[in-house]
Protein backbone atom coordinates (compact mmCIF):
# COMPACT_ATOMS: atom_id res chain seq x y z
CA SER A 1 109.14 10.73 279.75
CA VAL A 2 111.43 10.43 282.77
CA ILE A 3 113.20 7.17 283.56
CA LYS A 4 114.50 6.81 287.10
CA VAL A 5 117.62 4.75 287.61
CA PRO A 6 118.03 3.34 291.12
CA LEU A 7 121.43 4.29 292.56
CA LYS A 8 123.75 1.98 294.47
CA LYS A 9 126.43 3.27 296.83
CA LEU A 10 129.67 1.43 296.35
CA LYS A 11 133.25 1.98 297.46
CA SER A 12 134.84 4.69 295.34
CA ILE A 13 137.41 3.64 292.73
CA ARG A 14 139.99 5.74 294.53
CA GLN A 15 139.32 3.94 297.85
CA ALA A 16 139.44 0.49 296.22
CA MET A 17 142.74 1.28 294.49
CA LYS A 18 144.19 2.69 297.72
CA GLU A 19 143.26 -0.47 299.64
CA LYS A 20 145.01 -2.61 296.99
CA GLY A 21 148.11 -0.39 296.98
CA LEU A 22 147.55 0.71 293.37
CA LEU A 23 146.55 4.34 293.78
CA GLU A 24 149.99 5.96 294.16
CA GLU A 25 151.36 4.38 290.96
CA PHE A 26 148.19 5.18 289.04
CA LEU A 27 148.35 8.86 290.00
CA LYS A 28 152.01 9.01 288.99
CA THR A 29 151.27 7.74 285.50
CA HIS A 30 147.91 9.47 284.97
CA LYS A 31 148.46 13.12 285.77
CA TYR A 32 145.45 15.37 285.49
CA ASP A 33 145.98 18.58 283.55
CA PRO A 34 142.79 20.51 282.72
CA ALA A 35 144.64 22.40 279.93
CA GLN A 36 145.45 19.12 278.16
CA ARG A 37 142.28 19.23 276.10
CA TYR A 38 143.69 22.30 274.37
CA ARG A 39 147.12 20.76 273.55
CA ILE A 40 148.25 17.91 271.38
CA GLY A 41 151.08 15.47 272.02
CA ASP A 42 151.58 14.54 275.66
CA ILE A 43 149.77 11.21 275.91
CA SER A 44 150.89 10.66 279.52
CA VAL A 45 148.31 13.17 280.78
CA ALA A 46 144.74 12.03 281.40
CA LEU A 47 142.35 13.76 279.00
CA GLU A 48 139.33 13.84 281.27
CA PRO A 49 138.88 15.09 284.82
CA MET A 50 139.69 12.39 287.34
CA ALA A 51 136.64 13.08 289.50
CA TYR A 52 135.28 9.67 288.50
CA LEU A 53 137.77 8.19 290.95
CA GLU A 54 135.68 9.73 293.74
CA ALA A 55 132.35 8.49 292.39
CA ALA A 56 130.57 6.31 294.90
CA TYR A 57 127.09 6.16 293.35
CA PHE A 58 126.36 4.00 290.33
CA GLY A 59 123.27 3.01 288.40
CA GLU A 60 122.71 0.07 286.10
CA ILE A 61 121.13 0.62 282.68
CA SER A 62 120.30 -1.72 279.81
CA ILE A 63 120.86 -0.81 276.17
CA GLY A 64 119.95 -2.69 273.01
CA THR A 65 118.18 -5.86 271.95
CA PRO A 66 119.07 -8.19 273.51
CA PRO A 67 119.76 -5.88 276.46
CA GLN A 68 123.33 -5.34 277.57
CA ASN A 69 123.82 -4.02 281.11
CA PHE A 70 126.16 -1.11 281.93
CA LEU A 71 127.09 0.59 285.15
CA VAL A 72 127.04 4.38 284.87
CA LEU A 73 128.39 6.98 287.26
């Protein structure tokens, strides 16, 4: 069965951080290196792609009993 999740367009995380003056410092301390997943040791490099900063569409899902709500990209 297919479950459709209604999407909501929100301000991207990158845009919200930029407006609050937090983006520049975040990018300095969370460098993206796609080769990091194949190395061990440098914990200052983000392990996952940072494309989630650009995400502007979110959906809300519920999991469990009682249901707990989560926003997903």
